[in-house]
Each structure stands twice: as structure tokens, then as C-alpha cells.
Amino acid sequence: MRTPLLLSFLFLALTTMAQAPGWLENTLYGNGKFNVVVVVVALIILGIGLWMWRMDRRISTLEKDRK
């Protein structure tokens, strides 16, 4: 029962991806906003990574001080 259902969802997903570009692609690529979206997402990921790195260093310092 699960396998036919899974295969039908997979087929549906593949057919929807194979269609012509939708309004989102036309809007982002057409207006040149796609690069802005990529830069904003990259900055957010970079900021989260930097924040995690700093927290790791602070926690490591606290662990060393405690011992």
C-alpha cells in the first residue's frame, strides 16, 4: 500500500518540476531580484554560522575555567 502511494507522489513531484517556469521564476529572474535573494540567504546562513562559532568558543572558555 505504501509503495504505490509513494511512487505516485514521486511521479507527481517530477511532473510538476518538468513544467514551464512559473510566475516566481519569471518574476525573480526577469527583474534581477534572484541575486538579491541569494545574497540575503547567504548572509543569514553566514551570520548563523558566525554566531554558532562564537558561542562554541565562549562555551569552551567557560568549560576550561570551570576545570
Protein backbone atom coordinates (compact mmCIF):
# COMPACT_ATOMS: atom_id res chain seq x y z
CA MET A 1 0.00 0.00 0.00
CA ARG A 2 2.78 2.43 0.84
CA THR A 3 4.89 1.79 -2.24
CA PRO A 4 2.25 2.74 -4.87
CA LEU A 5 1.34 5.84 -2.88
CA LEU A 6 4.99 6.87 -2.58
CA LEU A 7 5.58 6.26 -6.27
CA SER A 8 2.54 8.31 -7.23
CA PHE A 9 3.74 11.24 -5.08
CA LEU A 10 7.21 10.96 -6.63
CA PHE A 11 5.75 10.93 -10.14
CA LEU A 12 3.56 13.93 -9.32
CA ALA A 13 6.55 15.85 -7.96
CA LEU A 14 8.66 15.08 -11.04
CA THR A 15 5.94 16.13 -13.45
CA THR A 16 5.37 19.43 -11.69
CA MET A 17 9.10 20.23 -11.81
CA ALA A 18 9.28 19.48 -15.54
CA GLN A 19 6.75 22.15 -16.46
CA ALA A 20 7.50 25.57 -17.86
CA PRO A 21 8.83 28.19 -15.43
CA GLY A 22 6.17 29.64 -13.22
CA TRP A 23 5.44 33.16 -12.07
CA LEU A 24 8.07 33.00 -9.32
CA GLU A 25 10.92 32.20 -11.68
CA ASN A 26 9.75 34.78 -14.20
CA THR A 27 9.46 37.43 -11.52
CA LEU A 28 12.79 36.79 -9.79
CA TYR A 29 14.89 36.20 -12.90
CA GLY A 30 13.12 38.81 -15.00
CA ASN A 31 13.54 41.64 -12.53
CA GLY A 32 17.05 40.67 -11.44
CA LYS A 33 15.93 40.02 -7.87
CA PHE A 34 17.18 36.44 -7.78
CA ASN A 35 20.72 37.56 -6.99
CA VAL A 36 19.43 39.68 -4.11
CA VAL A 37 17.57 36.69 -2.68
CA VAL A 38 20.69 34.52 -2.92
CA VAL A 39 22.83 37.18 -1.21
CA VAL A 40 20.33 37.67 1.62
CA VAL A 41 20.05 33.92 2.25
CA ALA A 42 23.85 33.58 2.16
CA LEU A 43 24.24 36.43 4.67
CA ILE A 44 21.70 34.87 7.02
CA ILE A 45 23.45 31.48 6.88
CA LEU A 46 26.84 33.15 7.35
CA GLY A 47 25.52 35.11 10.33
CA ILE A 48 24.11 31.99 11.98
CA GLY A 49 27.41 30.18 11.39
CA LEU A 50 29.40 33.05 12.90
CA TRP A 51 27.08 33.19 15.89
CA MET A 52 27.43 29.42 16.47
CA TRP A 53 31.24 29.65 16.19
CA ARG A 54 31.38 32.45 18.77
CA MET A 55 29.06 30.60 21.14
CA ASP A 56 31.22 27.48 20.83
CA ARG A 57 34.33 29.47 21.74
CA ARG A 58 32.58 31.08 24.72
CA ILE A 59 31.31 27.74 25.99
CA SER A 60 34.76 26.18 25.56
CA THR A 61 36.27 29.04 27.58
CA LEU A 62 33.70 28.56 30.34
CA GLU A 63 34.38 24.81 30.42
CA LYS A 64 38.14 25.41 30.72
CA ASP A 65 37.62 27.94 33.53
CA ARG A 66 35.39 25.55 35.43
CA LYS A 67 38.04 22.77 35.45
